[in-house]
Amino acid sequence: MPVPGPGYSITVRVEAPASTTAAGDLTTAVGRVGGVLTAFDVVESHADTIVIDISANALSENHAQDITAALDSLPGVRVRKVSDRTFLIHLGGKIEVSPKVALRNRDDLSRAYTPGVARVCQAIAANPEDARRLTIKRNTVAVLTDGSAVLGLGNIGPAAALPVMEGKAALFKKFADVDAWPVCLDTQDTEEIIMIAKALAPVYAGINLEDIAAPRCFEIEKRLREQLDIPVFHDDQHGTAIVVVAALRNALRVVGKNIEDCKIVVSGVGAAGSAIIRLLLRKNPGDIVAADIDGIVYPERGNLDDNLTWIAEHTNKDGKSGTLHDALVGADVFVGVSAPNLFGAEQVATMNDDAVVFALANPDPEIDPLEAQKHAAVVATGRSDFPNQINNVLAFPGVFRGLLDAAAHNIDDNMLLAASDAIADVVDNGKLNASFIVPSVFDSAVAPAVAEAVRNAVRAERAG
């Protein structure tokens, strides 16, 4: 199922004989070991030799080494250098701070800094709300993590989490012109994280919690929402839930089903799965059956934490027990945010006709999408190399753009549902089909539509 992609892209500089067959020999060597050639550039040419940069996508670091070895083994060819293109774009970090005002002379400096800045400080001291008008606060979000649940890598700590948080900040700027900044904390103590976030809050108009392990993330978000006057949004929970609900709305339109008549199975009840369930319940589904590593969640199962207890009390109307495979029998929808390779086509065949399968575990989904397609009418994954990628980038930039524009002090489910509907609506009836239920992350219409929907929801909350 996996195909070579840009995540393992290399550029190999080789010196080769200046022969008529050199280019063909080199490109054939890359293809012979399964690499995907993306660029072939001659950088030097001499009477008897040429120097070429060959760029190729690989499956893994070991596969990249195989590509390099295949090139190096050709007669008369010498590999000079190998560059990992992913590491190259991270050199020196991916974001920077740039001044918005000119500092050309003493006159400029006197207004932007001392002595003029003192007057602005005094104005904010007299009226703290002026911080939103006179500082970066109005457009600034903290991307806050403790490094305990980074991507699929687990508890790798704050320093190793920094490249992800930088990337998140870059996406905020790219898609919604939000100035976000990584805040990677060297603590995984709930009370310390809450204390630090509260102490940092005066600088920011919102906090995006990121990659904090469950169940600690639930307590941190809950307490910060209660104690701060700025919106706190845990993207692993709510960003995922927003996009899943949007995608499911459109998938059900494709297959002609109403959510009120559907049995939905959710695999994984950590941060993402729990938030998906809570937001789906606002849509009044026929039933939701949740499953985790210990099987179907039901009240009498035992060993349930607070989160699982809530899930057990609000799902699984018939009190069903058993395995994930048991849960899939007669289901209309599967949503997986759990682990790879949990079931196959034979289990999808036990679902109802025109089934919808969202296998979102990354990088390897709960079921091979090609296997799911044998019986499911609509299939989505979290991957970029298959149709219907469920990606949080569709949600969080626009959500925060709307919150910041509205100077929101909180965020609630109505705002999340408004964002979800806005994403779904970008795929109008002229575009909608089984392979296109959510817009591209590069669709420029998405973030503005989400922002407008969130702004309107904030206004509605204030009015009512």
Protein backbone atom coordinates (compact mmCIF):
# COMPACT_ATOMS: atom_id res chain seq x y z
CA MET A 1 0.00 0.00 0.00
CA PRO A 2 2.66 2.64 0.87
CA VAL A 3 4.20 4.49 -2.06
CA PRO A 4 7.37 6.59 -2.09
CA GLY A 5 6.58 10.14 -1.00
CA PRO A 6 8.19 13.50 -0.31
CA GLY A 7 8.59 12.75 3.40
CA TYR A 8 11.61 10.63 2.45
CA SER A 9 12.91 12.69 -0.45
CA ILE A 10 16.65 12.76 -1.19
CA THR A 11 18.93 14.53 -3.62
CA VAL A 12 21.98 12.51 -4.64
CA ARG A 13 24.88 14.32 -6.33
CA VAL A 14 26.69 11.88 -8.61
CA GLU A 15 29.65 12.09 -10.94
CA ALA A 16 29.15 9.98 -14.05
CA PRO A 17 30.85 9.37 -17.40
CA ALA A 18 29.82 11.84 -20.11
CA SER A 19 28.25 9.12 -22.25
CA THR A 20 25.07 8.99 -24.28
CA THR A 21 23.65 6.34 -21.95
CA ALA A 22 24.48 8.05 -18.62
CA ALA A 23 21.06 9.63 -18.06
CA GLY A 24 19.20 6.44 -18.89
CA ASP A 25 21.47 4.32 -16.70
CA LEU A 26 20.98 6.61 -13.71
CA THR A 27 17.20 6.91 -13.97
CA THR A 28 16.85 3.18 -14.56
CA ALA A 29 18.88 2.45 -11.41
CA VAL A 30 16.51 4.60 -9.33
CA GLY A 31 13.44 2.90 -10.75
CA ARG A 32 14.90 -0.59 -10.42
CA VAL A 33 14.94 -0.31 -6.61
CA GLY A 34 11.51 1.31 -6.43
CA GLY A 35 12.44 4.99 -6.13
CA VAL A 36 10.34 7.70 -7.76
CA LEU A 37 12.45 10.18 -9.71
CA THR A 38 11.33 13.79 -9.19
CA ALA A 39 14.21 15.84 -10.67
CA PHE A 40 17.33 15.33 -12.82
CA ASP A 41 19.62 18.36 -12.99
CA VAL A 42 23.04 18.63 -14.63
CA VAL A 43 25.12 20.92 -12.38
CA GLU A 44 28.54 20.50 -14.03
CA SER A 45 29.66 19.33 -17.46
CA HIS A 46 33.21 18.44 -18.52
CA ALA A 47 34.77 16.71 -21.50
CA ASP A 48 34.68 13.27 -19.93
CA THR A 49 32.38 13.59 -16.89
CA ILE A 50 29.12 15.17 -15.82
CA VAL A 51 27.86 15.98 -12.33
CA ILE A 52 24.14 15.44 -11.80
CA ASP A 53 21.73 16.06 -8.92
CA ILE A 54 19.15 13.29 -8.86
CA SER A 55 16.13 13.86 -6.63
CA ALA A 56 13.90 10.94 -5.73
CA ASN A 57 11.14 9.98 -3.30
CA ALA A 58 11.66 6.93 -1.13
CA LEU A 59 9.61 4.80 1.27
CA SER A 60 11.94 5.05 4.26
CA GLU A 61 15.47 5.93 5.31
CA ASN A 62 16.58 2.39 4.46
CA HIS A 63 14.95 2.67 1.04
CA ALA A 64 16.78 5.97 0.46
CA GLN A 65 20.04 4.15 1.20
CA ASP A 66 19.06 1.47 -1.32
CA ILE A 67 18.57 4.15 -3.99
CA THR A 68 21.95 5.66 -3.19
CA ALA A 69 23.64 2.24 -3.31
CA ALA A 70 22.04 1.44 -6.68
CA LEU A 71 23.47 4.64 -8.16
CA ASP A 72 26.88 4.12 -6.61
CA SER A 73 27.11 0.59 -8.02
CA LEU A 74 26.91 1.72 -11.66
CA PRO A 75 30.22 1.45 -13.57
CA GLY A 76 32.13 4.74 -13.53
CA VAL A 77 29.57 6.46 -11.24
CA ARG A 78 30.60 8.01 -7.93
CA VAL A 79 28.18 9.36 -5.35
CA ARG A 80 29.56 12.65 -4.05
CA LYS A 81 26.90 13.67 -1.58
CA VAL A 82 23.42 12.70 -0.36
CA SER A 83 21.04 15.33 1.03
CA ASP A 84 17.84 14.52 2.90
CA ARG A 85 15.46 17.18 1.61
CA THR A 86 13.20 16.98 4.69
CA PHE A 87 16.12 17.78 6.99
CA LEU A 88 17.28 20.57 4.65
CA ILE A 89 14.02 22.54 5.04
CA HIS A 90 14.36 22.29 8.83
CA LEU A 91 17.87 23.77 8.99
CA GLY A 92 17.68 26.82 11.25
CA GLY A 93 13.95 26.24 11.88
CA LYS A 94 10.90 26.99 9.75
CA ILE A 95 9.63 30.27 11.22
CA GLU A 96 11.01 33.67 12.19
CA VAL A 97 9.95 37.00 13.70
CA SER A 98 9.91 40.02 11.39
CA PRO A 99 9.16 43.64 12.42
CA LYS A 100 6.03 45.19 10.94
CA VAL A 101 7.30 48.75 11.30
CA ALA A 102 10.29 50.51 9.78
CA LEU A 103 13.20 51.34 12.10
CA ARG A 104 15.20 53.59 9.82
CA ASN A 105 16.37 56.33 12.15
CA ARG A 106 16.23 57.76 15.70
CA ASP A 107 12.80 59.20 15.01
CA ASP A 108 11.33 55.76 14.26
CA LEU A 109 13.13 54.22 17.22
CA SER A 110 11.79 56.86 19.59
CA ARG A 111 8.22 55.95 18.70
CA ALA A 112 8.59 52.17 18.41
CA TYR A 113 10.77 51.88 21.49
CA THR A 114 11.94 54.28 24.16
CA PRO A 115 10.78 56.88 25.09
CA GLY A 116 7.54 56.73 23.08
CA VAL A 117 6.62 53.15 23.93
CA ALA A 118 6.20 54.12 27.60
CA ARG A 119 3.04 56.03 26.74
CA VAL A 120 1.54 52.91 25.14
CA CYS A 121 2.48 50.84 28.22
CA GLN A 122 0.71 53.34 30.44
CA ALA A 123 -2.40 53.25 28.25
CA ILE A 124 -2.58 49.45 28.54
CA ALA A 125 -1.98 49.60 32.30
CA ALA A 126 -4.95 51.93 32.57
CA ASN A 127 -7.12 49.84 30.23
CA PRO A 128 -5.89 46.22 29.80
CA GLU A 129 -8.29 45.58 26.92
CA ASP A 130 -6.14 47.95 24.84
CA ALA A 131 -3.54 45.17 24.64
CA ARG A 132 -5.64 43.62 21.87
CA ARG A 133 -5.54 46.89 19.94
CA LEU A 134 -1.99 48.06 20.58
CA THR A 135 0.09 44.84 20.64
CA ILE A 136 0.51 41.55 18.82
CA LYS A 137 -1.98 39.94 21.21
CA ARG A 138 -4.94 40.40 18.87
CA ASN A 139 -3.43 38.05 16.26
CA THR A 140 -1.23 35.72 18.31
CA VAL A 141 -1.77 32.09 19.32
CA ALA A 142 0.38 29.89 21.55
CA VAL A 143 0.94 26.39 20.15
CA LEU A 144 1.47 24.67 23.48
CA THR A 145 2.70 21.12 24.05
CA ASP A 146 4.46 18.93 26.59
CA GLY A 147 5.73 16.55 23.93
CA SER A 148 3.89 13.58 25.41
CA ALA A 149 1.93 12.41 22.33
CA VAL A 150 3.68 13.76 19.24
CA LEU A 151 2.22 12.54 15.95
CA GLY A 152 2.50 8.76 16.05
CA LEU A 153 5.85 8.95 17.82
CA GLY A 154 4.61 8.95 21.41
CA ASN A 155 6.27 10.61 24.37
CA ILE A 156 9.39 12.11 22.78
CA GLY A 157 9.60 15.28 24.90
CA PRO A 158 9.45 19.03 24.26
CA ALA A 159 12.66 19.52 22.25
CA ALA A 160 11.80 16.75 19.81
CA ALA A 161 8.25 18.16 19.55
CA LEU A 162 9.51 21.57 18.45
CA PRO A 163 9.70 20.79 14.68
CA VAL A 164 6.01 19.84 14.75
CA MET A 165 5.02 22.99 16.63
CA GLU A 166 7.07 25.11 14.21
CA GLY A 167 5.23 23.45 11.35
CA LYS A 168 1.91 24.17 13.03
CA ALA A 169 2.87 27.83 13.41
CA ALA A 170 3.84 27.98 9.74
CA LEU A 171 0.45 26.55 8.75
CA PHE A 172 -1.36 29.12 10.88
CA LYS A 173 0.44 31.88 9.01
CA LYS A 174 0.12 30.31 5.55
CA PHE A 175 -3.60 29.57 5.66
CA ALA A 176 -5.04 32.23 7.98
CA ASP A 177 -2.36 34.91 8.56
CA VAL A 178 -2.33 34.07 12.28
CA ASP A 179 0.94 34.69 14.15
CA ALA A 180 1.44 31.50 16.15
CA TRP A 181 4.45 30.57 18.26
CA PRO A 182 5.68 27.22 19.63
CA VAL A 183 5.56 26.86 23.41
CA CYS A 184 7.17 23.52 24.28
CA LEU A 185 7.12 22.88 28.03
CA ASP A 186 9.68 20.77 29.88
CA THR A 187 7.08 19.33 32.23
CA GLN A 188 4.30 16.77 31.96
CA ASP A 189 2.71 17.64 35.27
CA THR A 190 -0.89 18.73 34.81
CA GLU A 191 -0.79 21.42 37.48
CA GLU A 192 2.48 22.89 36.19
CA ILE A 193 1.20 23.00 32.62
CA ILE A 194 -1.95 24.81 33.73
CA MET A 195 0.06 27.24 35.84
CA ILE A 196 2.50 28.03 33.03
CA ALA A 197 -0.26 28.45 30.45
CA LYS A 198 -2.09 30.89 32.73
CA ALA A 199 1.12 32.84 33.30
CA LEU A 200 1.78 33.09 29.55
CA ALA A 201 -1.78 33.96 28.58
CA PRO A 202 -1.46 37.79 28.64
CA VAL A 203 0.60 37.64 25.42
CA TYR A 204 -1.89 35.58 23.45
CA ALA A 205 -5.45 35.82 22.14
CA GLY A 206 -5.81 32.04 22.03
CA ILE A 207 -4.09 28.80 23.01
CA ASN A 208 -3.83 25.80 20.71
CA LEU A 209 -3.03 22.73 22.81
CA GLU A 210 -1.12 20.18 20.79
CA ASP A 211 0.16 16.62 21.22
CA ILE A 212 -0.64 16.26 24.93
CA ALA A 213 -1.47 12.70 25.92
CA ALA A 214 -4.91 11.59 27.10
CA PRO A 215 -6.43 11.62 29.64
CA ARG A 216 -4.26 14.51 30.94
CA CYS A 217 -5.22 16.66 27.95
CA PHE A 218 -8.90 16.62 28.99
CA GLU A 219 -8.19 18.05 32.43
CA ILE A 220 -5.76 20.67 31.10
CA GLU A 221 -8.19 21.94 28.50
CA LYS A 222 -11.15 21.94 30.88
CA ARG A 223 -9.32 23.88 33.59
CA LEU A 224 -7.78 26.41 31.21
CA ARG A 225 -11.14 27.07 29.60
CA GLU A 226 -12.61 27.75 33.04
CA GLN A 227 -9.79 30.00 34.21
CA LEU A 228 -8.77 32.01 31.12
CA ASP A 229 -10.61 34.69 29.17
CA ILE A 230 -9.22 33.51 25.82
CA PRO A 231 -10.31 30.47 23.76
CA VAL A 232 -8.43 27.22 24.42
CA PHE A 233 -8.60 24.66 21.62
CA HIS A 234 -7.05 21.18 21.71
CA ASP A 235 -6.48 20.47 18.03
CA ASP A 236 -5.94 16.74 18.44
CA GLN A 237 -9.47 16.61 19.84
CA HIS A 238 -11.53 19.32 18.24
CA GLY A 239 -9.69 19.90 14.96
CA THR A 240 -10.00 16.22 14.15
CA ALA A 241 -13.64 16.13 15.23
CA ILE A 242 -14.56 19.16 13.10
CA VAL A 243 -13.14 17.63 9.92
CA VAL A 244 -14.53 14.14 10.59
CA VAL A 245 -18.05 15.50 11.13
CA ALA A 246 -17.74 17.60 7.95
CA ALA A 247 -16.51 14.65 5.92
CA LEU A 248 -19.21 12.35 7.30
CA ARG A 249 -21.94 14.83 6.45
CA ASN A 250 -20.81 14.77 2.83
CA ALA A 251 -20.16 11.02 2.74
CA LEU A 252 -23.72 10.36 3.89
CA ARG A 253 -24.95 12.68 1.15
CA VAL A 254 -23.07 10.52 -1.37
CA VAL A 255 -24.67 7.28 -0.14
CA GLY A 256 -28.08 8.82 0.52
CA LYS A 257 -28.32 8.09 4.25
CA ASN A 258 -29.43 10.24 7.18
CA ILE A 259 -27.19 10.27 10.24
CA GLU A 260 -30.26 9.77 12.44
CA ASP A 261 -30.61 6.28 10.92
CA CYS A 262 -26.94 5.32 11.08
CA LYS A 263 -24.99 3.10 13.44
CA ILE A 264 -21.50 4.57 13.76
CA VAL A 265 -18.54 2.60 15.11
CA VAL A 266 -15.62 4.63 16.49
CA SER A 267 -12.32 2.82 17.09
CA GLY A 268 -10.10 4.66 19.57
CA VAL A 269 -11.43 6.67 22.51
CA GLY A 270 -8.44 8.80 23.35
CA ALA A 271 -8.31 12.53 22.64
CA ALA A 272 -9.46 12.39 19.03
CA GLY A 273 -11.99 9.58 19.35
CA SER A 274 -13.66 11.07 22.42
CA ALA A 275 -14.02 14.48 20.77
CA ILE A 276 -15.40 12.92 17.59
CA ILE A 277 -18.01 11.04 19.61
CA ARG A 278 -19.01 14.13 21.60
CA LEU A 279 -19.43 16.26 18.46
CA LEU A 280 -21.23 13.49 16.54
CA LEU A 281 -23.72 13.16 19.38
CA ARG A 282 -24.77 16.75 18.65
CA LYS A 283 -25.93 15.44 15.24
CA ASN A 284 -28.30 12.86 16.82
CA PRO A 285 -26.96 9.69 15.16
CA GLY A 286 -28.94 6.47 15.35
CA ASP A 287 -26.25 5.01 17.62
CA ILE A 288 -22.54 5.20 18.29
CA VAL A 289 -20.57 2.17 19.44
CA ALA A 290 -17.07 2.92 20.72
CA ALA A 291 -14.24 0.41 20.93
CA ASP A 292 -10.69 0.51 22.23
CA ILE A 293 -7.90 -1.99 22.80
CA ASP A 294 -10.13 -3.83 25.31
CA GLY A 295 -13.11 -4.06 22.98
CA ILE A 296 -16.51 -2.38 22.93
CA VAL A 297 -17.08 0.24 25.63
CA TYR A 298 -20.13 -0.42 27.83
CA PRO A 299 -20.91 0.49 31.46
CA GLU A 300 -20.38 -2.96 32.97
CA ARG A 301 -17.03 -3.56 31.28
CA GLY A 302 -15.08 -2.30 34.30
CA ASN A 303 -11.79 -0.42 34.57
CA LEU A 304 -13.26 2.73 32.98
CA ASP A 305 -11.71 6.13 33.64
CA ASP A 306 -13.84 9.29 33.74
CA ASN A 307 -13.68 9.75 29.98
CA LEU A 308 -14.63 6.13 29.20
CA THR A 309 -17.39 6.24 31.81
CA TRP A 310 -18.93 9.23 30.04
CA ILE A 311 -18.58 7.48 26.67
CA ALA A 312 -20.22 4.33 28.06
CA GLU A 313 -23.14 6.33 29.45
CA HIS A 314 -23.83 8.21 26.20
CA THR A 315 -23.27 5.54 23.52
CA ASN A 316 -24.04 1.89 22.72
CA LYS A 317 -27.81 2.01 23.28
CA ASP A 318 -28.14 -1.78 23.30
CA GLY A 319 -25.28 -2.36 25.73
CA LYS A 320 -23.39 -4.44 23.17
CA SER A 321 -20.15 -6.13 24.24
CA GLY A 322 -17.43 -7.90 22.27
CA THR A 323 -14.66 -6.94 19.88
CA LEU A 324 -14.31 -4.29 17.21
CA HIS A 325 -15.19 -6.96 14.65
CA ASP A 326 -18.44 -7.59 16.52
CA ALA A 327 -19.21 -3.88 16.56
CA LEU A 328 -18.82 -3.61 12.77
CA VAL A 329 -21.64 -6.07 12.07
CA GLY A 330 -24.59 -4.04 10.80
CA ALA A 331 -22.77 -0.71 11.07
CA ASP A 332 -23.20 2.07 8.51
CA VAL A 333 -20.06 4.03 9.36
CA PHE A 334 -16.63 3.23 10.73
CA VAL A 335 -14.38 6.00 12.10
CA GLY A 336 -10.92 4.88 13.18
CA VAL A 337 -8.43 6.97 15.14
CA SER A 338 -6.61 4.08 16.72
CA ALA A 339 -4.05 1.62 15.33
CA PRO A 340 -3.03 0.02 12.03
CA ASN A 341 -4.33 -3.15 10.44
CA LEU A 342 -7.22 -3.95 12.78
CA PHE A 343 -9.54 -5.57 10.24
CA GLY A 344 -9.93 -6.48 6.59
CA ALA A 345 -12.38 -6.58 3.72
CA GLU A 346 -14.24 -9.50 5.27
CA GLN A 347 -15.24 -7.33 8.25
CA VAL A 348 -16.34 -4.47 5.97
CA ALA A 349 -18.56 -7.01 4.21
CA THR A 350 -20.48 -7.46 7.50
CA MET A 351 -21.39 -3.77 7.56
CA ASN A 352 -24.57 -2.46 5.97
CA ASP A 353 -24.73 -1.74 2.25
CA ASP A 354 -23.19 1.56 1.12
CA ALA A 355 -20.90 1.60 4.15
CA VAL A 356 -18.62 4.54 4.94
CA VAL A 357 -15.11 3.78 6.23
CA PHE A 358 -12.85 6.47 7.69
CA ALA A 359 -9.58 4.70 8.55
CA LEU A 360 -7.56 7.59 9.94
CA ALA A 361 -4.67 6.01 11.84
CA ASN A 362 -1.41 7.45 10.49
CA PRO A 363 0.74 6.52 8.71
CA ASP A 364 -0.85 3.06 8.44
CA PRO A 365 -4.66 2.99 8.70
CA GLU A 366 -6.90 0.49 10.47
CA ILE A 367 -7.57 -1.18 7.12
CA ASP A 368 -5.81 -0.98 3.77
CA PRO A 369 -7.96 1.50 1.81
CA LEU A 370 -7.87 -0.77 -1.25
CA GLU A 371 -9.30 -3.59 0.86
CA ALA A 372 -11.96 -1.28 2.31
CA GLN A 373 -13.02 -0.21 -1.19
CA LYS A 374 -14.03 -3.78 -2.02
CA HIS A 375 -17.21 -3.36 0.03
CA ALA A 376 -17.42 0.27 1.25
CA ALA A 377 -19.01 2.99 -0.86
CA VAL A 378 -16.87 5.82 0.56
CA VAL A 379 -13.37 5.47 2.04
CA ALA A 380 -11.27 8.19 3.69
CA THR A 381 -7.85 8.13 5.36
CA GLY A 382 -5.44 10.54 7.01
CA ARG A 383 -2.95 10.06 4.18
CA SER A 384 -2.18 12.42 1.32
CA ASP A 385 -1.66 9.61 -1.22
CA PHE A 386 -5.31 8.48 -1.18
CA PRO A 387 -8.53 10.38 -1.93
CA ASN A 388 -10.49 12.02 0.91
CA GLN A 389 -7.68 13.02 3.27
CA ILE A 390 -9.05 13.97 6.69
CA ASN A 391 -6.60 16.67 7.74
CA ASN A 392 -6.84 19.11 10.65
CA VAL A 393 -5.35 21.84 8.44
CA LEU A 394 -8.86 22.22 7.06
CA ALA A 395 -10.04 23.36 10.49
CA PHE A 396 -7.66 25.04 12.90
CA PRO A 397 -6.40 28.00 10.81
CA GLY A 398 -9.91 29.20 9.98
CA VAL A 399 -11.23 28.44 13.47
CA PHE A 400 -8.62 30.66 15.09
CA ARG A 401 -8.94 33.34 12.39
CA GLY A 402 -12.61 33.60 13.28
CA LEU A 403 -12.01 33.54 17.03
CA LEU A 404 -9.34 36.25 16.84
CA ASP A 405 -11.38 38.47 14.53
CA ALA A 406 -14.32 38.26 16.92
CA ALA A 407 -12.09 38.83 19.98
CA ALA A 408 -13.67 35.67 21.40
CA HIS A 409 -13.16 34.82 25.06
CA ASN A 410 -14.18 31.18 24.76
CA ILE A 411 -15.05 28.42 22.29
CA ASP A 412 -18.03 26.06 22.40
CA ASP A 413 -19.61 23.22 20.44
CA ASN A 414 -21.78 25.57 18.37
CA MET A 415 -18.63 27.19 17.01
CA LEU A 416 -17.10 23.76 16.27
CA LEU A 417 -20.25 22.67 14.43
CA ALA A 418 -20.32 25.93 12.48
CA ALA A 419 -16.73 25.30 11.37
CA SER A 420 -17.63 21.74 10.38
CA ASP A 421 -20.59 22.82 8.29
CA ALA A 422 -18.48 25.48 6.58
CA ILE A 423 -15.89 22.88 5.52
CA ALA A 424 -18.60 20.55 4.23
CA ASP A 425 -20.29 23.36 2.31
CA VAL A 426 -17.11 24.14 0.33
CA VAL A 427 -17.73 20.83 -1.47
CA ASP A 428 -20.95 21.77 -3.23
CA ASN A 429 -23.15 19.38 -5.16
CA GLY A 430 -21.24 20.03 -8.36
CA LYS A 431 -18.02 18.69 -6.82
CA LEU A 432 -19.27 16.03 -4.44
CA ASN A 433 -18.57 12.36 -5.19
CA ALA A 434 -17.27 9.27 -3.42
CA SER A 435 -13.65 10.33 -3.97
CA PHE A 436 -14.15 13.98 -3.04
CA ILE A 437 -16.01 14.52 0.23
CA VAL A 438 -13.69 17.16 1.74
CA PRO A 439 -11.88 20.04 0.03
CA SER A 440 -8.16 20.12 -0.57
CA VAL A 441 -6.08 21.61 2.24
CA PHE A 442 -4.83 24.08 -0.39
CA ASP A 443 -8.32 25.26 -1.34
CA SER A 444 -8.16 28.99 -0.61
CA ALA A 445 -11.90 29.10 0.06
CA VAL A 446 -11.73 26.91 3.17
CA ALA A 447 -10.11 29.08 5.86
CA PRO A 448 -12.16 32.22 5.03
CA ALA A 449 -15.38 30.19 5.04
CA VAL A 450 -14.54 28.60 8.39
CA ALA A 451 -13.50 31.95 9.85
CA GLU A 452 -16.76 33.59 8.79
CA ALA A 453 -18.80 30.73 10.25
CA VAL A 454 -16.96 30.93 13.57
CA ARG A 455 -17.29 34.74 13.71
CA ASN A 456 -21.04 34.40 13.17
CA ALA A 457 -21.27 31.72 15.87
CA VAL A 458 -19.42 33.95 18.34
CA ARG A 459 -21.79 36.81 17.57
CA ALA A 460 -24.80 34.51 18.00
CA GLU A 461 -23.51 33.36 21.37
CA ARG A 462 -23.12 36.94 22.54
CA ALA A 463 -26.57 37.89 21.28
CA GLY A 464 -28.31 34.91 22.84
